Amino acid sequence: RMFHESTQSDQALYGRLVPKLKTGRQFSQIQINRLKRLGIVETDPDKLTEEEIKKFVRLNIDPETITWQRVMDTNDRFLRKITIGQSPTEKGHTRECQFDISVASEIMAVLALTTSLADMRERLGRMVIASDTSGNPVTAEDLGVSGALTVLM
């Protein structure tokens, strides 16, 4: 997401997030929830102002605050600190990160505590994955991945 935000205009991002279909543009429920959290009351995608579109499409994630690490089932000391984004296609967007073991992840904690499928989706969606450049939390729901996480679990 950070790569796309740094290389695309607001309109291009909006076109990807809310594509024009034969029936017109429509927000998904996750997107409507995000609009509400942002204080945007308009739910017609064609009636958002340029400022509202910018606010909606830009998460402005601060890479230094990312709390989600990559995970795998084995512990490998060589993967405790790695540098990602070194490929030329990443256009210089490198950062240092690490691998954690799967059982130490917040997702596994949610799996252990959840009481139903709906509860799991809600808990996964509330997980803070980073902060934006203003210090506000960015959640899995903001990324639009809570449903996919639930299916994977």
Foldseek 3Di string as FASTA:
>chain_A
DVLCVVPDDLVVLLCVQFNQDPVGTAHDPLLVVLCVVVVHPDGHSVPDDPVSSCVSRDQQFDVVFFDDAAEEADDDPVFQKDKPQPDVVSVPPIDIGGYDYPCPDVLVVLVVPADDLVSSLVVQQADFRGAHPVRHTDGPSSVVCSVVSSVVD
